[in-house]
Protein backbone atom coordinates (compact mmCIF):
# COMPACT_ATOMS: atom_id res chain seq x y z
CA MET A 1 0.08 -0.12 0.14
CA THR A 2 1.36 3.29 -0.86
CA GLY A 3 -0.14 6.54 0.83
CA HIS A 4 -0.70 9.62 -0.61
CA ASP A 5 3.12 11.24 0.09
CA GLY A 6 4.49 7.93 -1.16
CA VAL A 7 5.54 6.14 1.83
CA SER A 8 4.57 2.58 1.62
CA VAL A 9 4.15 -0.74 3.65
CA ARG A 10 3.77 -4.24 2.96
CA PHE A 11 3.40 -7.23 4.64
CA HIS A 12 3.18 -10.83 4.39
CA ALA A 13 1.44 -13.22 6.62
CA GLU A 14 1.10 -17.18 6.79
CA VAL A 15 -2.27 -18.83 8.58
CA ASP A 16 -2.17 -22.25 9.90
CA ASP A 17 -4.93 -23.81 11.34
CA GLY A 18 -6.83 -20.15 11.97
CA ARG A 19 -3.52 -18.74 13.42
CA VAL A 20 -1.40 -16.15 12.16
CA THR A 21 2.06 -17.72 12.02
CA ALA A 22 4.35 -15.55 10.40
CA LEU A 23 4.56 -12.24 9.68
CA GLN A 24 6.99 -9.76 7.74
CA TYR A 25 6.99 -6.20 6.77
CA GLU A 26 8.45 -4.19 3.98
CA ALA A 27 7.90 -0.22 4.61
CA THR A 28 9.58 2.58 3.20
CA SER A 29 12.32 4.39 5.79
CA CYS A 30 9.86 6.25 7.48
CA ALA A 31 10.07 6.27 11.69
CA THR A 32 6.31 6.54 12.05
CA LEU A 33 5.22 4.05 9.59
CA VAL A 34 7.99 1.62 10.78
CA ALA A 35 6.67 2.24 14.45
CA TYR A 36 3.14 1.31 13.39
CA ALA A 37 4.29 -1.48 11.45
CA GLU A 38 6.00 -3.31 13.94
CA LEU A 39 3.20 -2.48 16.64
CA LEU A 40 1.02 -4.09 14.31
CA GLY A 41 3.11 -7.32 14.22
CA ASP A 42 3.65 -7.69 18.15
CA LEU A 43 -0.14 -7.60 18.16
CA ALA A 44 -0.83 -9.99 15.27
CA ALA A 45 2.14 -12.52 15.69
CA GLY A 46 0.36 -15.78 17.08
CA GLU A 47 -3.22 -14.08 17.26
CA GLN A 48 -6.13 -15.65 15.81
CA ALA A 49 -6.86 -14.54 12.37
CA ALA A 50 -10.12 -13.35 13.29
CA GLN A 51 -8.61 -11.82 16.25
CA ALA A 52 -5.97 -10.18 14.12
CA ALA A 53 -8.39 -8.83 11.63
CA ARG A 54 -9.95 -6.88 14.25
CA ILE A 55 -7.06 -4.89 15.15
CA THR A 56 -8.00 -1.24 13.98
CA ALA A 57 -5.66 2.51 13.22
CA GLN A 58 -7.21 3.93 16.38
CA ARG A 59 -5.40 1.05 18.51
CA LEU A 60 -2.41 1.86 16.92
CA VAL A 61 -2.64 5.29 17.46
CA ALA A 62 -3.65 4.88 21.00
CA THR A 63 -0.90 2.36 21.59
CA LEU A 64 1.55 4.86 20.31
CA PRO A 65 0.59 8.13 22.10
CA GLY A 66 3.78 10.44 21.44
CA VAL A 67 3.04 10.23 17.72
CA PRO A 68 2.20 13.80 16.17
CA ALA A 69 -1.36 13.74 14.42
CA ALA A 70 -0.33 14.93 11.34
CA ARG A 71 1.33 11.11 10.68
CA HIS A 72 -1.43 9.23 12.03
CA ASP A 73 -2.56 8.44 8.74
CA ARG A 74 0.17 5.86 8.77
CA ALA A 75 -1.37 3.71 11.21
CA GLU A 76 -4.24 3.75 8.72
CA LEU A 77 -2.05 2.61 5.78
CA VAL A 78 -0.84 0.03 8.07
CA ILE A 79 -4.23 -1.42 8.53
CA ARG A 80 -4.92 -1.26 5.39
CA ALA A 81 -1.89 -3.22 4.28
CA TRP A 82 -2.29 -5.91 7.13
CA TRP A 83 -5.91 -6.73 6.03
CA SER A 84 -5.03 -7.09 2.14
CA ALA A 85 -2.40 -9.77 3.85
CA LEU A 86 -4.59 -11.45 5.88
CA ALA A 87 -6.95 -11.99 3.09
CA ARG A 88 -4.10 -13.37 1.07
CA ALA A 89 -2.88 -15.67 3.83
CA LEU A 90 -6.45 -16.81 4.56
CA GLU A 91 -7.36 -17.10 0.78
CA HIS A 92 -3.65 -19.41 0.13
CA ALA A 93 -4.49 -21.21 3.14
CA GLU A 94 -8.00 -22.33 2.18
CA GLN A 95 -6.73 -23.38 -1.74
CA LYS A 96 -4.28 -25.68 0.44
CA GLY A 97 -6.88 -26.89 2.17
CA ILE A 98 -5.20 -25.48 5.57
CA PRO A 99 -8.27 -24.84 8.01
CA ALA A 100 -8.29 -20.68 7.89
């Protein structure tokens, strides 16, 4: 996913037996974007996919209170990228016959 100002983030996830078993990301060099991506990884890794899908941008913002309001859009970008990766991981698991 790419933001309006050119920053981008992409996640790769694996789901096995309904649980997020692997999570990686690539992000442009924006400290705020990286911080939100790291936080998302901490919150989602090992969780049930349904629970990990409920992580919101508002939760990321609330968990990192020192981020200037002008950079809160990075949290939304991270969440959109995460949901996309999770959807791909669930589809891949389904195609392989792995319980998602």
